[in-house]
Amino acid sequence: MKKIMNHPDKIVSQMLSGLLYANSDKLAGIKGTGVIYRQTKSENKVAVVSGGGSGHEPAHTGFVGTGMLAACICGPIFVPPTAEEILAGIKVADQGAGVFLVIKNFEKDVASFLKAKELAEAEGYQVSYVIVNDDCSIEENSFKKRRRGVAGTILVQKIVAAAAEEGYSLEQLTELATKVVRSMNTLGLALSPSVVPGEDQAQFQLAENEISFGIGIHGEPGYRTEILHSSERLAIELVNKLKSQFHWKKGEKFAMMINGLGGTPLMELFVFSNDVRRLLELEGLQVEFKKVGDFVTSNDMSGLSLTFLRLEDEKWLEWLKVPVDTYAW
């Protein structure tokens, strides 16, 4: 598989160097680590920190900046950073009122971030967290719910960071983030798998005319594979599955995110957006906030995910709309 790179072992470090060069007006990094932090600080306010494996760009570096994340920590491709690197991120991000961690629900991510929390608290830092588990896909054979942390993580980061800027405490942010996570669901699909830099084989196999519903951002297989027919059919599948999670009623207010997985043209995302629009109008929902683009990708996977957040509080919508200075929001 052709890639614009020099060597697979150096792709993450060289990506981060290029990223810092391109965003030198707002971002900085800790040399020899995957820690990226913003140059501005909001003194005596909680700092919001996130991160995970690389390969999901613009997550999470694209959301570090004034008004959003204070720092993020990037690990190897699809592998979370070490607890020691996360600890370094916590230290550089702290603004005097504690650090709030937004963690995606993958076993290794959770283990690394919670170990870092323990290390930070042993040094006197105040740390709290939320685990995001918005993915409502199921395993094909067992029908077990997966509840991984995927694109909805960015909406959690945005709301929590805006609340932190307003002076919310660690305790208040924990309560807020928990409510937001419980009000959100995401489901994705793939047209073609990702090929990780340095590897020759795709992470899973799909025929030229096939799609997979329910795939994961690390290449985990979906719950059903079938022939691709149309964008409209894809929208019907995802909207109906998400409807079964929310049991929504006519007139309810939602935020929506349509997220490209890395190899999907914006043209196709907007075609899909139009199909979702028509379905939601039939459902009688009020979509008060919309984002379409690449937010949490899976390297070069062709596909998308659809996230709905039930707006339980008017403040959530207000916080989603607050301007920020990042390179990807």
Protein backbone atom coordinates (compact mmCIF):
# COMPACT_ATOMS: atom_id res chain seq x y z
CA MET A 1 0.00 0.00 0.00
CA LYS A 2 1.43 3.37 -1.06
CA LYS A 3 1.85 5.92 1.75
CA ILE A 4 3.40 9.39 1.93
CA MET A 5 5.96 8.60 4.60
CA ASN A 6 9.66 7.99 5.18
CA HIS A 7 9.67 5.01 7.54
CA PRO A 8 6.77 3.33 9.39
CA ASP A 9 8.64 3.46 12.71
CA LYS A 10 9.01 7.23 12.49
CA ILE A 11 5.64 8.19 11.03
CA VAL A 12 4.06 9.27 14.34
CA SER A 13 7.00 11.36 15.55
CA GLN A 14 7.41 12.99 12.13
CA MET A 15 3.66 13.64 11.91
CA LEU A 16 3.73 15.39 15.28
CA SER A 17 6.76 17.47 14.25
CA GLY A 18 4.97 18.58 11.10
CA LEU A 19 1.79 19.26 13.03
CA LEU A 20 3.62 21.49 15.51
CA TYR A 21 5.33 23.34 12.65
CA ALA A 22 2.00 23.96 10.92
CA ASN A 23 0.34 25.14 14.15
CA SER A 24 3.25 26.89 15.84
CA ASP A 25 1.02 29.86 16.67
CA LYS A 26 -1.12 27.82 19.07
CA LEU A 27 0.46 24.44 19.93
CA ALA A 28 3.64 23.14 21.54
CA GLY A 29 4.94 19.70 22.49
CA ILE A 30 7.17 17.91 24.97
CA LYS A 31 10.18 16.59 23.07
CA GLY A 32 10.48 12.81 22.92
CA THR A 33 6.84 12.26 23.89
CA GLY A 34 3.42 12.33 22.26
CA VAL A 35 2.29 15.25 24.43
CA ILE A 36 0.78 18.21 22.57
CA TYR A 37 -0.44 21.20 24.57
CA ARG A 38 -1.85 24.66 23.91
CA GLN A 39 0.29 27.73 24.47
CA THR A 40 -2.46 29.67 26.26
CA LYS A 41 -3.67 28.91 29.78
CA SER A 42 -6.87 29.68 31.66
CA GLU A 43 -5.50 30.23 35.13
CA ASN A 44 -7.32 28.64 38.07
CA LYS A 45 -9.68 26.70 35.81
CA VAL A 46 -9.89 22.95 35.25
CA ALA A 47 -7.78 21.74 32.30
CA VAL A 48 -9.43 19.17 30.01
CA VAL A 49 -7.07 16.51 28.64
CA SER A 50 -7.64 13.58 26.28
CA GLY A 51 -5.71 11.34 23.90
CA GLY A 52 -5.14 7.81 22.69
CA GLY A 53 -3.46 6.02 19.84
CA SER A 54 -2.44 7.88 16.70
CA GLY A 55 -4.11 7.15 13.37
CA HIS A 56 -7.36 8.91 14.31
CA GLU A 57 -6.36 12.40 13.19
CA PRO A 58 -7.50 15.07 13.65
CA ALA A 59 -8.33 13.43 17.02
CA HIS A 60 -7.07 14.53 19.36
CA THR A 61 -4.47 17.13 18.42
CA GLY A 62 -7.00 18.98 16.28
CA PHE A 63 -9.03 19.84 19.36
CA VAL A 64 -6.22 21.24 21.50
CA GLY A 65 -6.45 25.00 21.75
CA THR A 66 -8.06 27.92 23.51
CA GLY A 67 -11.57 27.00 24.64
CA MET A 68 -11.17 23.27 24.17
CA LEU A 69 -8.49 20.74 25.20
CA ALA A 70 -5.54 21.98 27.24
CA ALA A 71 -3.46 19.00 26.05
CA CYS A 72 -3.64 15.61 24.42
CA ILE A 73 -1.29 12.64 24.48
CA CYS A 74 -0.66 10.61 21.32
CA GLY A 75 0.49 7.00 21.35
CA PRO A 76 1.69 4.79 18.49
CA ILE A 77 -0.80 3.94 15.73
CA PHE A 78 -3.92 2.46 17.36
CA VAL A 79 -2.00 2.00 20.64
CA PRO A 80 -2.59 4.27 23.66
CA PRO A 81 0.24 6.30 25.20
CA THR A 82 1.97 5.08 28.34
CA ALA A 83 0.84 6.18 31.78
CA GLU A 84 4.12 8.07 32.16
CA GLU A 85 3.47 10.11 29.01
CA ILE A 86 -0.08 10.85 30.15
CA LEU A 87 1.32 11.98 33.50
CA ALA A 88 3.57 14.42 31.66
CA GLY A 89 0.51 15.71 29.80
CA ILE A 90 -1.41 16.17 33.04
CA LYS A 91 1.46 18.15 34.55
CA VAL A 92 1.91 20.52 31.60
CA ALA A 93 -1.86 21.06 31.27
CA ASP A 94 -2.66 21.80 34.91
CA GLN A 95 -3.85 25.38 35.46
CA GLY A 96 -4.27 25.25 39.22
CA ALA A 97 -7.79 23.82 39.51
CA GLY A 98 -7.23 20.19 38.56
CA VAL A 99 -7.26 18.13 35.36
CA PHE A 100 -10.25 16.37 33.80
CA LEU A 101 -9.52 13.33 31.59
CA VAL A 102 -11.79 12.35 28.68
CA ILE A 103 -11.05 8.66 28.01
CA LYS A 104 -12.30 6.48 25.14
CA ASN A 105 -13.65 3.12 26.30
CA PHE A 106 -10.96 0.73 25.13
CA GLU A 107 -9.37 -1.57 27.67
CA LYS A 108 -5.77 -0.42 27.15
CA ASP A 109 -6.72 3.26 26.96
CA VAL A 110 -8.64 3.06 30.22
CA ALA A 111 -5.79 1.22 31.94
CA SER A 112 -3.15 3.77 30.83
CA PHE A 113 -5.19 6.85 31.71
CA LEU A 114 -6.32 5.56 35.11
CA LYS A 115 -2.76 4.57 35.99
CA ALA A 116 -1.66 8.09 35.06
CA LYS A 117 -4.43 9.49 37.27
CA GLU A 118 -3.10 7.43 40.16
CA LEU A 119 0.47 8.62 39.55
CA ALA A 120 -0.65 12.26 39.30
CA GLU A 121 -2.66 12.11 42.50
CA ALA A 122 0.35 10.61 44.29
CA GLU A 123 2.21 13.79 43.34
CA GLY A 124 -0.55 16.04 44.63
CA TYR A 125 -2.51 16.78 41.44
CA GLN A 126 -6.31 16.75 41.44
CA VAL A 127 -7.65 14.55 38.65
CA SER A 128 -11.08 13.31 37.62
CA TYR A 129 -12.33 11.61 34.46
CA VAL A 130 -15.14 10.28 32.30
CA ILE A 131 -15.10 7.18 30.11
CA VAL A 132 -16.87 7.74 26.78
CA ASN A 133 -18.73 4.69 25.44
CA ASP A 134 -20.95 6.05 22.66
CA ASP A 135 -20.57 3.19 20.16
CA CYS A 136 -23.79 1.15 20.17
CA SER A 137 -22.59 -1.57 17.80
CA ILE A 138 -22.96 -5.25 18.70
CA GLU A 139 -20.87 -8.36 18.09
CA GLU A 140 -22.10 -10.29 15.08
CA ASN A 141 -22.47 -13.68 16.74
CA SER A 142 -23.03 -12.99 20.44
CA PHE A 143 -24.99 -9.72 20.04
CA LYS A 144 -22.94 -8.40 22.96
CA LYS A 145 -22.90 -4.60 23.14
CA ARG A 146 -19.45 -3.14 22.53
CA ARG A 147 -19.85 0.42 23.84
CA ARG A 148 -16.47 1.63 22.57
CA GLY A 149 -15.49 5.29 22.69
CA VAL A 150 -15.65 6.77 19.19
CA ALA A 151 -16.62 10.05 17.44
CA GLY A 152 -18.95 11.24 20.20
CA THR A 153 -15.83 11.73 22.32
CA ILE A 154 -15.28 15.05 20.55
CA LEU A 155 -18.72 16.36 21.54
CA VAL A 156 -17.96 15.44 25.16
CA GLN A 157 -14.64 17.28 24.97
CA LYS A 158 -16.32 20.38 23.52
CA ILE A 159 -19.08 20.60 26.11
CA VAL A 160 -16.88 19.81 29.10
CA ALA A 161 -14.14 22.23 28.03
CA ALA A 162 -16.66 25.06 27.55
CA ALA A 163 -18.07 24.39 31.03
CA ALA A 164 -14.54 24.38 32.45
CA GLU A 165 -13.94 27.80 30.89
CA GLU A 166 -17.01 29.01 32.78
CA GLY A 167 -15.41 27.90 36.04
CA TYR A 168 -17.00 24.50 36.64
CA SER A 169 -15.19 22.43 39.27
CA LEU A 170 -13.84 18.91 38.80
CA GLU A 171 -16.88 17.53 40.62
CA GLN A 172 -19.29 19.50 38.47
CA LEU A 173 -17.51 18.47 35.26
CA THR A 174 -17.64 14.82 36.27
CA GLU A 175 -21.39 15.02 36.79
CA LEU A 176 -21.89 16.93 33.52
CA ALA A 177 -19.73 14.60 31.42
CA THR A 178 -21.47 11.51 32.78
CA LYS A 179 -24.87 12.93 31.76
CA VAL A 180 -23.61 13.82 28.28
CA VAL A 181 -22.17 10.34 27.69
CA ARG A 182 -25.44 8.72 28.77
CA SER A 183 -27.34 10.87 26.27
CA MET A 184 -25.28 9.91 23.22
CA ASN A 185 -24.97 7.05 20.72
CA THR A 186 -22.82 6.46 17.64
CA LEU A 187 -22.86 3.86 14.88
CA GLY A 188 -20.46 3.51 11.96
CA LEU A 189 -19.96 1.69 8.66
CA ALA A 190 -17.02 0.93 6.36
CA LEU A 191 -16.74 0.71 2.58
CA SER A 192 -13.11 -0.38 2.73
CA PRO A 193 -10.71 -1.27 5.57
CA SER A 194 -7.68 0.59 6.83
CA VAL A 195 -4.13 -0.44 5.99
CA VAL A 196 -1.82 0.52 8.86
CA PRO A 197 1.47 2.11 7.72
CA GLY A 198 4.18 -0.55 7.50
CA GLU A 199 1.71 -3.41 7.02
CA ASP A 200 0.80 -5.04 3.71
CA GLN A 201 -2.58 -6.45 4.67
CA ALA A 202 -5.82 -4.61 5.40
CA GLN A 203 -7.26 -5.01 8.89
CA PHE A 204 -10.27 -6.91 7.56
CA GLN A 205 -11.59 -7.96 4.18
CA LEU A 206 -14.48 -6.56 2.15
CA ALA A 207 -15.33 -7.32 -1.46
CA GLU A 208 -15.37 -4.38 -3.86
CA ASN A 209 -19.17 -4.10 -3.66
CA GLU A 210 -19.55 -4.81 0.09
CA ILE A 211 -19.97 -2.66 3.20
CA SER A 212 -19.70 -3.49 6.89
CA PHE A 213 -22.04 -2.00 9.51
CA GLY A 214 -20.80 -1.45 13.05
CA ILE A 215 -17.04 -1.40 12.44
CA GLY A 216 -14.65 -0.05 15.07
CA ILE A 217 -12.07 2.72 14.73
CA HIS A 218 -9.23 0.20 15.25
CA GLY A 219 -10.48 -2.06 12.46
CA GLU A 220 -12.72 -4.24 14.59
CA PRO A 221 -15.22 -6.05 12.31
CA GLY A 222 -18.84 -4.97 12.17
CA TYR A 223 -22.13 -6.68 12.95
CA ARG A 224 -23.27 -7.22 9.36
CA THR A 225 -21.75 -7.24 5.87
CA GLU A 226 -23.91 -6.70 2.82
CA ILE A 227 -23.90 -5.34 -0.73
CA LEU A 228 -23.72 -1.55 -1.06
CA HIS A 229 -26.87 -0.12 -2.64
CA SER A 230 -27.17 3.61 -1.96
CA SER A 231 -26.47 6.38 0.54
CA GLU A 232 -30.16 6.46 1.37
CA ARG A 233 -30.11 2.78 2.40
CA LEU A 234 -27.06 3.43 4.60
CA ALA A 235 -28.82 6.35 6.28
CA ILE A 236 -31.94 4.27 6.92
CA GLU A 237 -29.90 1.53 8.60
CA LEU A 238 -27.96 3.84 10.91
CA VAL A 239 -30.88 6.12 11.78
CA ASN A 240 -33.16 3.17 12.58
CA LYS A 241 -30.54 1.52 14.76
CA LEU A 242 -29.91 4.76 16.64
CA LYS A 243 -33.66 5.31 16.99
CA SER A 244 -33.87 1.96 18.78
CA GLN A 245 -31.33 3.24 21.31
CA PHE A 246 -33.02 6.56 22.03
CA HIS A 247 -36.73 5.72 21.64
CA TRP A 248 -37.08 9.38 20.69
CA LYS A 249 -40.29 11.34 20.44
CA LYS A 250 -41.39 13.94 17.93
CA GLY A 251 -40.11 17.40 18.80
CA GLU A 252 -37.07 16.30 20.79
CA LYS A 253 -33.86 18.29 20.31
CA PHE A 254 -30.61 16.67 19.19
CA ALA A 255 -27.06 17.47 18.16
CA MET A 256 -25.68 15.43 15.25
CA MET A 257 -22.20 14.59 14.03
CA ILE A 258 -21.42 12.88 10.72
CA ASN A 259 -17.82 11.76 10.94
CA GLY A 260 -15.62 10.61 8.06
CA LEU A 261 -13.30 7.73 8.85
CA GLY A 262 -10.32 9.03 6.88
CA GLY A 263 -10.84 7.95 3.28
CA THR A 264 -14.30 9.32 2.51
CA PRO A 265 -14.66 12.48 0.34
CA LEU A 266 -16.63 15.36 1.80
CA MET A 267 -18.92 15.13 -1.21
CA GLU A 268 -20.10 11.72 -0.04
CA LEU A 269 -20.45 12.83 3.59
CA PHE A 270 -22.74 15.66 2.48
CA VAL A 271 -24.82 13.33 0.28
CA PHE A 272 -25.28 11.11 3.34
CA SER A 273 -26.06 14.21 5.43
CA ASN A 274 -28.89 15.09 3.06
CA ASP A 275 -30.35 11.59 3.36
CA VAL A 276 -30.18 11.76 7.16
CA ARG A 277 -31.88 15.17 7.05
CA ARG A 278 -34.88 13.77 5.18
CA LEU A 279 -35.26 10.88 7.63
CA LEU A 280 -35.04 13.11 10.69
CA GLU A 281 -37.63 15.48 9.23
CA LEU A 282 -39.98 12.50 8.90
CA GLU A 283 -39.23 11.63 12.53
CA GLY A 284 -40.08 15.18 13.59
CA LEU A 285 -36.78 15.76 15.42
CA GLN A 286 -35.23 19.18 15.89
CA VAL A 287 -31.54 18.99 15.01
CA GLU A 288 -30.18 22.08 16.74
CA PHE A 289 -26.48 21.46 16.08
CA LYS A 290 -24.70 19.72 13.19
CA LYS A 291 -21.08 18.89 12.38
CA VAL A 292 -19.97 17.12 9.18
CA GLY A 293 -16.34 16.23 8.45
CA ASP A 294 -13.39 14.18 9.70
CA PHE A 295 -13.11 14.23 13.51
CA VAL A 296 -12.15 10.72 14.70
CA THR A 297 -10.79 8.75 11.75
CA SER A 298 -9.44 5.24 11.35
CA ASN A 299 -6.32 6.03 9.35
CA ASP A 300 -7.37 5.63 5.68
CA MET A 301 -10.60 3.66 6.18
CA SER A 302 -13.37 4.58 3.77
CA GLY A 303 -16.60 4.96 5.71
CA LEU A 304 -18.40 7.13 8.22
CA SER A 305 -20.14 7.22 11.58
CA LEU A 306 -23.31 8.93 12.74
CA THR A 307 -23.60 10.36 16.26
CA PHE A 308 -26.72 11.69 17.96
CA LEU A 309 -26.68 13.55 21.27
CA ARG A 310 -30.03 14.20 22.94
CA LEU A 311 -29.85 17.79 24.19
CA GLU A 312 -31.04 17.31 27.76
CA ASP A 313 -30.01 20.83 28.76
CA GLU A 314 -30.04 24.12 26.81
CA LYS A 315 -26.55 24.82 28.17
CA TRP A 316 -25.19 21.86 26.21
CA LEU A 317 -26.21 23.51 22.95
CA GLU A 318 -24.76 26.81 24.10
CA TRP A 319 -21.44 25.15 24.93
CA LEU A 320 -21.34 23.33 21.58
CA LYS A 321 -21.65 26.68 19.82
CA VAL A 322 -18.97 28.56 21.78
CA PRO A 323 -16.11 29.50 19.39
CA VAL A 324 -12.71 27.88 20.01
CA ASP A 325 -9.24 28.26 18.54
CA THR A 326 -8.22 24.78 17.33
CA TYR A 327 -7.19 23.53 13.92
CA ALA A 328 -10.00 20.98 13.47
CA TRP A 329 -13.24 21.93 15.29
